[in-house]
Amino acid sequence: MLYQGVIRNQVVVLEEGISLPEGTKVRVIPEKDEARRNELQAKWDRFDEGAEKVFQYLLSEIGTTSDSAEILRQLRNERTNR
């Protein structure tokens, strides 16, 4: 469950109406850190999508071989035949 609040006098004060039992352990993530993490996650997701597209393109052009020497050989052949 996600709760929001503010720090007052070095104590986490939860938003109105929320109370947790005394001694409950909590994790505090400052909002600016959360925003940065979300920004980095979005960048990673875009990178991951792009990498997947490149991978699918290479598979369609080269085939499904996993032998790196064979892949390089095929790429060289394609480059010389252009």
Foldseek 3Di string as FASTA:
>chain_A
DDWDADADPNDTDTPPPDDDDPPDDDDDDPPVNVVVVVVVVVVVVVVVVVVVVVVVVLCVQQNDDPPPVSSVVSVVVVVVVD
